[in-house]
Amino acid sequence: MQKIIPHLWYDKEAVEAAQWYVSLFEDSRIISSSIIPDTPSGDAQTVDFQLAGMRFSAISAGPYFALNPSISLMVACRNAEEVDRLYASLSADGTELMPLGEYPFSKHYAWIQDKYGLSWQLMLVGKIEEHQRIRPSLLFAEDACGKAEEAINYYLSVFEGSNKGYVNYYKAGEPMDERAKINYSELNIRGNQFIAMDHGFGGDFTFNEAFSFMIPCEDQEEIDYFWDKLSFVPEAEQCGWVKDQFGVSWQIVPENMNDIMANGTKEEVKRMTEAFLQMKKLDIAALEKARLFPQER
């Protein structure tokens, strides 16, 4: 099982966006879709899907959070034609953040925000086999600018078996914002490759709940561990969601929760929803009791 799952929040477009993304990448498919009834946003629709072998999850739950470039998806491309194909599709009705062209770090690259708000970095790479096809890229901007290295070291301490890869620092006087230290770095967290960098211009956007990371946990002990390590904003704690000291949002959930919500009976899903909406940190035993024994809740 994938140990960290990127999660996207949309107003109403989660399924539509997922179907579109699936059409653009090989080894991609819709895994499941379900309705979470009677949430504060009304009936919320969720969708689990796979892109280039990587699992994602998304939800349509109202216009409360908007995707921005603080977290993007960096796509390793085999040739310039692939960059061009993805650029043509993903830039349609979107916004160009860095135009398609040659850069010191890549002979063919573009950074765009698609029509649903999700940001993509499309990059021609030399040795494709050395790269995960899609890598989440964290851009530390606004109040988090300059904290990329601190975040890398913290995540490596939290997630056992993780390791730091290539790190490149800004040269003296190179960034416009003097807080910026790292202009590119790679790390592996629980088998998932990530990119992290500081915004050289400081930036006017930062992390929010629109792009979060789900951690499927085997048991309550694992939930307790990650909750203790990653929750630094008490007011953000709700339904398994936490926000760390850098502003990144995480969802700490039982590993079978999405499966139950997608495949459980209507009554089971309703009872589970009622139960987890009352929780901050999720309680596996209480959720299972709510699912199986309505009369004893």
Protein backbone atom coordinates (compact mmCIF):
# COMPACT_ATOMS: atom_id res chain seq x y z
CA MET A 1 0.00 0.00 0.00
CA GLN A 2 1.19 3.51 -0.86
CA LYS A 3 2.22 5.12 2.43
CA ILE A 4 1.45 8.76 1.56
CA ILE A 5 -1.44 9.70 -0.74
CA PRO A 6 -1.81 13.21 -2.21
CA HIS A 7 -5.31 14.55 -1.60
CA LEU A 8 -6.97 17.34 -3.60
CA TRP A 9 -9.92 19.51 -2.51
CA TYR A 10 -12.31 20.91 -5.11
CA ASP A 11 -15.57 22.81 -4.95
CA LYS A 12 -17.59 20.49 -7.25
CA GLU A 13 -15.08 19.21 -9.81
CA ALA A 14 -13.21 16.33 -8.13
CA VAL A 15 -14.55 13.50 -10.30
CA GLU A 16 -14.43 15.59 -13.47
CA ALA A 17 -10.82 16.58 -12.78
CA ALA A 18 -9.78 13.04 -11.88
CA GLN A 19 -11.28 11.62 -15.08
CA TRP A 20 -9.40 14.22 -17.11
CA TYR A 21 -6.06 13.54 -15.40
CA VAL A 22 -6.51 9.79 -15.87
CA SER A 23 -6.95 10.34 -19.62
CA LEU A 24 -3.55 12.06 -19.85
CA PHE A 25 -1.25 9.52 -18.20
CA GLU A 26 -0.36 5.88 -18.74
CA ASP A 27 -1.03 3.32 -15.97
CA SER A 28 -3.95 5.43 -14.73
CA ARG A 29 -7.52 4.65 -13.72
CA ILE A 30 -10.43 5.64 -11.50
CA ILE A 31 -10.34 3.30 -8.47
CA SER A 32 -13.60 4.22 -6.75
CA SER A 33 -16.01 7.05 -6.07
CA SER A 34 -18.42 7.55 -3.20
CA ILE A 35 -20.67 10.04 -1.44
CA ILE A 36 -20.06 11.13 2.15
CA PRO A 37 -23.55 12.20 3.31
CA ASP A 38 -24.57 15.11 5.49
CA THR A 39 -21.20 16.78 6.02
CA PRO A 40 -20.97 20.49 6.90
CA SER A 41 -20.60 20.96 3.13
CA GLY A 42 -23.64 18.83 2.36
CA ASP A 43 -23.15 15.54 0.51
CA ALA A 44 -19.47 15.46 -0.43
CA GLN A 45 -18.26 13.35 -3.34
CA THR A 46 -14.91 11.59 -3.12
CA VAL A 47 -12.84 9.86 -5.78
CA ASP A 48 -9.75 7.66 -5.54
CA PHE A 49 -7.67 7.39 -8.68
CA GLN A 50 -4.29 6.36 -9.99
CA LEU A 51 -1.96 8.47 -12.16
CA ALA A 52 1.11 6.85 -13.71
CA GLY A 53 0.96 4.19 -11.01
CA MET A 54 0.64 6.69 -8.14
CA ARG A 55 -2.51 6.78 -6.02
CA PHE A 56 -4.40 10.03 -5.42
CA SER A 57 -7.59 10.98 -3.64
CA ALA A 58 -9.88 13.97 -4.16
CA ILE A 59 -13.07 15.43 -2.75
CA SER A 60 -15.76 17.86 -3.87
CA ALA A 61 -16.71 19.60 -0.65
CA GLY A 62 -17.41 23.23 -1.37
CA PRO A 63 -15.46 26.41 -2.20
CA TYR A 64 -13.58 26.62 1.09
CA PHE A 65 -10.00 26.03 -0.09
CA ALA A 66 -8.29 26.89 -3.37
CA LEU A 67 -5.33 25.11 -4.91
CA ASN A 68 -2.25 27.26 -5.47
CA PRO A 69 1.39 26.74 -6.61
CA SER A 70 2.70 26.07 -3.09
CA ILE A 71 2.32 22.36 -3.88
CA SER A 72 2.64 21.23 -7.48
CA LEU A 73 3.14 17.92 -9.26
CA MET A 74 6.48 17.57 -11.03
CA VAL A 75 6.23 15.19 -14.00
CA ALA A 76 9.38 13.49 -15.31
CA CYS A 77 9.07 13.30 -19.11
CA ARG A 78 10.98 10.99 -21.44
CA ASN A 79 11.21 13.35 -24.40
CA ALA A 80 10.28 16.84 -25.55
CA GLU A 81 7.21 15.52 -27.38
CA GLU A 82 5.79 14.27 -24.10
CA VAL A 83 6.37 17.65 -22.46
CA ASP A 84 4.61 19.31 -25.40
CA ARG A 85 1.64 16.91 -25.27
CA LEU A 86 1.05 17.41 -21.56
CA TYR A 87 1.62 21.14 -21.84
CA ALA A 88 -0.97 21.47 -24.60
CA SER A 89 -3.59 19.62 -22.53
CA LEU A 90 -2.88 20.95 -19.04
CA SER A 91 -2.38 24.58 -20.06
CA ALA A 92 -5.73 24.79 -21.89
CA ASP A 93 -7.87 27.35 -20.03
CA GLY A 94 -5.18 27.42 -17.34
CA THR A 95 -2.42 29.81 -16.28
CA GLU A 96 1.22 29.77 -17.33
CA LEU A 97 3.56 30.20 -14.35
CA MET A 98 6.84 29.59 -16.22
CA PRO A 99 6.64 29.45 -20.03
CA LEU A 100 7.55 26.37 -22.03
CA GLY A 101 11.21 26.55 -22.99
CA GLU A 102 14.81 25.77 -22.14
CA TYR A 103 16.13 26.46 -18.64
CA PRO A 104 19.50 25.83 -16.92
CA PHE A 105 17.99 22.85 -15.09
CA SER A 106 16.09 21.34 -18.04
CA LYS A 107 16.23 21.63 -21.83
CA HIS A 108 12.42 21.51 -22.03
CA TYR A 109 10.29 22.62 -19.08
CA ALA A 110 7.07 24.43 -18.20
CA TRP A 111 5.19 25.27 -15.01
CA ILE A 112 1.45 25.70 -15.40
CA GLN A 113 -1.73 25.83 -13.33
CA ASP A 114 -4.54 23.88 -14.98
CA LYS A 115 -8.18 24.89 -15.36
CA TYR A 116 -9.03 23.29 -12.01
CA GLY A 117 -6.23 25.13 -10.17
CA LEU A 118 -3.75 22.25 -9.81
CA SER A 119 -0.14 23.18 -10.61
CA TRP A 120 2.13 21.01 -12.77
CA GLN A 121 5.83 21.18 -13.52
CA LEU A 122 6.60 19.37 -16.77
CA MET A 123 10.27 18.52 -17.10
CA LEU A 124 12.39 16.68 -19.65
CA VAL A 125 14.83 14.55 -17.63
CA GLY A 126 17.98 12.75 -18.68
CA LYS A 127 17.73 9.41 -16.88
CA ILE A 128 14.00 8.72 -16.66
CA GLU A 129 14.52 5.49 -14.71
CA GLU A 130 16.00 7.45 -11.79
CA HIS A 131 12.85 9.52 -11.28
CA GLN A 132 9.43 8.80 -9.88
CA ARG A 133 7.05 9.68 -12.71
CA ILE A 134 5.09 12.20 -10.62
CA ARG A 135 6.60 13.87 -7.56
CA PRO A 136 4.84 16.32 -5.22
CA SER A 137 6.85 19.54 -5.03
CA LEU A 138 6.60 21.77 -1.96
CA LEU A 139 7.40 25.46 -2.44
CA PHE A 140 8.03 27.23 0.85
CA ALA A 141 6.73 30.76 0.31
CA GLU A 142 5.25 33.69 2.21
CA ASP A 143 5.66 33.06 5.98
CA ALA A 144 7.20 29.64 5.28
CA CYS A 145 9.92 31.02 2.98
CA GLY A 146 13.35 29.87 4.17
CA LYS A 147 12.00 26.88 6.08
CA ALA A 148 12.47 24.20 3.41
CA GLU A 149 15.61 22.75 5.00
CA GLU A 150 14.08 22.73 8.48
CA ALA A 151 11.01 20.97 7.07
CA ILE A 152 13.11 18.37 5.23
CA ASN A 153 15.01 17.50 8.38
CA TYR A 154 11.82 17.36 10.42
CA TYR A 155 10.01 15.07 8.00
CA LEU A 156 13.03 12.77 7.86
CA SER A 157 12.93 12.52 11.66
CA VAL A 158 9.17 11.77 11.67
CA PHE A 159 8.98 9.20 8.89
CA GLU A 160 11.12 6.16 9.61
CA GLY A 161 13.11 4.84 6.66
CA SER A 162 13.18 8.18 4.82
CA ASN A 163 16.29 9.74 3.33
CA LYS A 164 17.55 13.00 1.86
CA GLY A 165 18.70 13.16 -1.74
CA TYR A 166 20.23 15.93 -3.84
CA VAL A 167 20.21 19.41 -2.27
CA ASN A 168 21.16 22.64 -4.06
CA TYR A 169 21.44 25.95 -2.21
CA TYR A 170 20.99 29.47 -3.51
CA LYS A 171 24.26 31.32 -3.97
CA ALA A 172 24.85 34.49 -1.99
CA GLY A 173 22.78 37.32 -3.42
CA GLU A 174 20.95 35.03 -5.85
CA PRO A 175 17.43 34.99 -4.31
CA MET A 176 15.41 38.19 -4.21
CA ASP A 177 14.13 37.18 -0.76
CA GLU A 178 17.12 36.80 1.55
CA ARG A 179 15.27 34.21 3.65
CA ALA A 180 15.37 31.68 0.80
CA LYS A 181 18.10 29.06 1.23
CA ILE A 182 17.27 25.97 -0.87
CA ASN A 183 16.41 26.38 -4.55
CA TYR A 184 15.97 22.63 -5.14
CA SER A 185 16.11 19.47 -3.05
CA GLU A 186 14.94 15.86 -3.22
CA LEU A 187 13.83 13.57 -0.43
CA ASN A 188 12.25 10.16 -0.10
CA ILE A 189 9.49 9.79 2.50
CA ARG A 190 8.19 6.26 3.10
CA GLY A 191 8.97 5.28 -0.49
CA ASN A 192 7.51 8.47 -1.99
CA GLN A 193 9.79 10.96 -3.75
CA PHE A 194 9.25 14.62 -2.92
CA ILE A 195 10.77 17.92 -4.03
CA ALA A 196 11.22 20.87 -1.64
CA MET A 197 12.44 24.41 -2.29
CA ASP A 198 12.25 27.95 -0.96
CA HIS A 199 10.60 30.62 -3.10
CA GLY A 200 13.37 32.90 -4.35
CA PHE A 201 11.00 35.88 -4.50
CA GLY A 202 9.24 35.16 -1.19
CA GLY A 203 5.87 34.53 -2.84
CA ASP A 204 2.37 35.70 -1.94
CA PHE A 205 0.77 32.26 -1.41
CA THR A 206 1.29 29.44 1.02
CA PHE A 207 0.16 25.93 1.94
CA ASN A 208 -3.50 25.27 2.70
CA GLU A 209 -5.95 22.38 2.99
CA ALA A 210 -6.67 22.26 -0.75
CA PHE A 211 -3.60 20.04 -1.19
CA SER A 212 -3.01 17.69 1.73
CA PHE A 213 -1.33 14.34 2.26
CA MET A 214 -3.16 11.28 3.59
CA ILE A 215 -1.29 8.84 5.83
CA PRO A 216 -3.11 5.47 5.94
CA CYS A 217 -2.36 3.94 9.35
CA GLU A 218 -2.39 0.27 10.32
CA ASP A 219 -3.59 0.79 13.89
CA GLN A 220 -4.38 3.32 16.59
CA GLU A 221 -0.77 3.40 17.76
CA GLU A 222 0.32 4.62 14.34
CA ILE A 223 -2.46 7.23 14.24
CA ASP A 224 -1.42 8.47 17.69
CA TYR A 225 2.22 8.68 16.61
CA PHE A 226 1.66 10.78 13.50
CA TRP A 227 -0.93 12.95 15.23
CA ASP A 228 1.57 13.78 17.97
CA LYS A 229 4.33 14.53 15.45
CA LEU A 230 2.40 16.51 12.83
CA SER A 231 -0.35 18.44 14.63
CA PHE A 232 0.88 21.96 15.49
CA VAL A 233 -2.29 24.02 14.89
CA PRO A 234 -5.06 22.97 17.30
CA GLU A 235 -7.78 24.89 15.45
CA ALA A 236 -7.00 22.89 12.28
CA GLU A 237 -7.64 19.55 13.98
CA GLN A 238 -10.83 18.01 12.62
CA CYS A 239 -11.91 14.63 11.23
CA GLY A 240 -8.34 13.32 11.10
CA TRP A 241 -6.91 16.51 9.56
CA VAL A 242 -3.91 18.28 11.10
CA LYS A 243 -1.58 21.09 10.06
CA ASP A 244 2.15 20.94 10.80
CA GLN A 245 4.43 23.79 11.91
CA PHE A 246 5.19 24.69 8.29
CA GLY A 247 1.52 24.94 7.28
CA VAL A 248 1.31 21.65 5.35
CA SER A 249 -1.93 19.73 5.91
CA TRP A 250 -2.05 15.99 6.62
CA GLN A 251 -4.89 13.51 7.01
CA ILE A 252 -4.13 10.74 9.50
CA VAL A 253 -6.64 7.99 8.80
CA PRO A 254 -7.19 4.22 9.21
CA GLU A 255 -5.84 2.40 6.15
CA ASN A 256 -9.24 0.82 5.37
CA MET A 257 -11.30 4.01 5.72
CA ASN A 258 -11.56 4.88 2.02
CA ASP A 259 -12.50 1.30 1.19
CA ILE A 260 -15.29 1.30 3.79
CA MET A 261 -16.61 4.66 2.60
CA ALA A 262 -16.57 3.45 -1.02
CA ASN A 263 -17.90 -0.08 -0.52
CA GLY A 264 -19.81 -0.08 2.75
CA THR A 265 -23.58 -0.14 2.91
CA LYS A 266 -25.46 3.13 2.91
CA GLU A 267 -26.20 2.69 6.61
CA GLU A 268 -22.56 1.90 7.46
CA VAL A 269 -21.32 4.96 5.61
CA LYS A 270 -23.91 7.16 7.32
CA ARG A 271 -22.96 5.90 10.78
CA MET A 272 -19.23 6.20 10.05
CA THR A 273 -19.72 9.76 8.81
CA GLU A 274 -21.71 10.75 11.88
CA ALA A 275 -18.98 9.31 14.07
CA PHE A 276 -15.91 10.85 12.44
CA LEU A 277 -17.54 14.28 12.11
CA GLN A 278 -17.54 14.41 15.92
CA MET A 279 -13.84 13.54 16.18
CA LYS A 280 -10.58 15.41 15.87
CA LYS A 281 -8.11 12.54 16.05
CA LEU A 282 -9.77 9.47 14.57
CA ASP A 283 -10.48 6.57 16.95
CA ILE A 284 -10.39 3.29 15.04
CA ALA A 285 -12.29 1.32 17.69
CA ALA A 286 -15.04 3.92 17.94
CA LEU A 287 -15.38 4.12 14.15
CA GLU A 288 -15.62 0.35 13.84
CA LYS A 289 -18.21 0.23 16.63
CA ALA A 290 -20.27 2.90 14.89
CA ARG A 291 -20.08 0.99 11.60
CA LEU A 292 -21.13 -2.38 13.03
CA PHE A 293 -23.38 -1.64 15.98
CA PRO A 294 -25.76 1.28 15.44
CA GLN A 295 -27.74 0.50 18.58
CA GLU A 296 -24.65 0.80 20.79
CA ARG A 297 -23.29 4.12 19.53
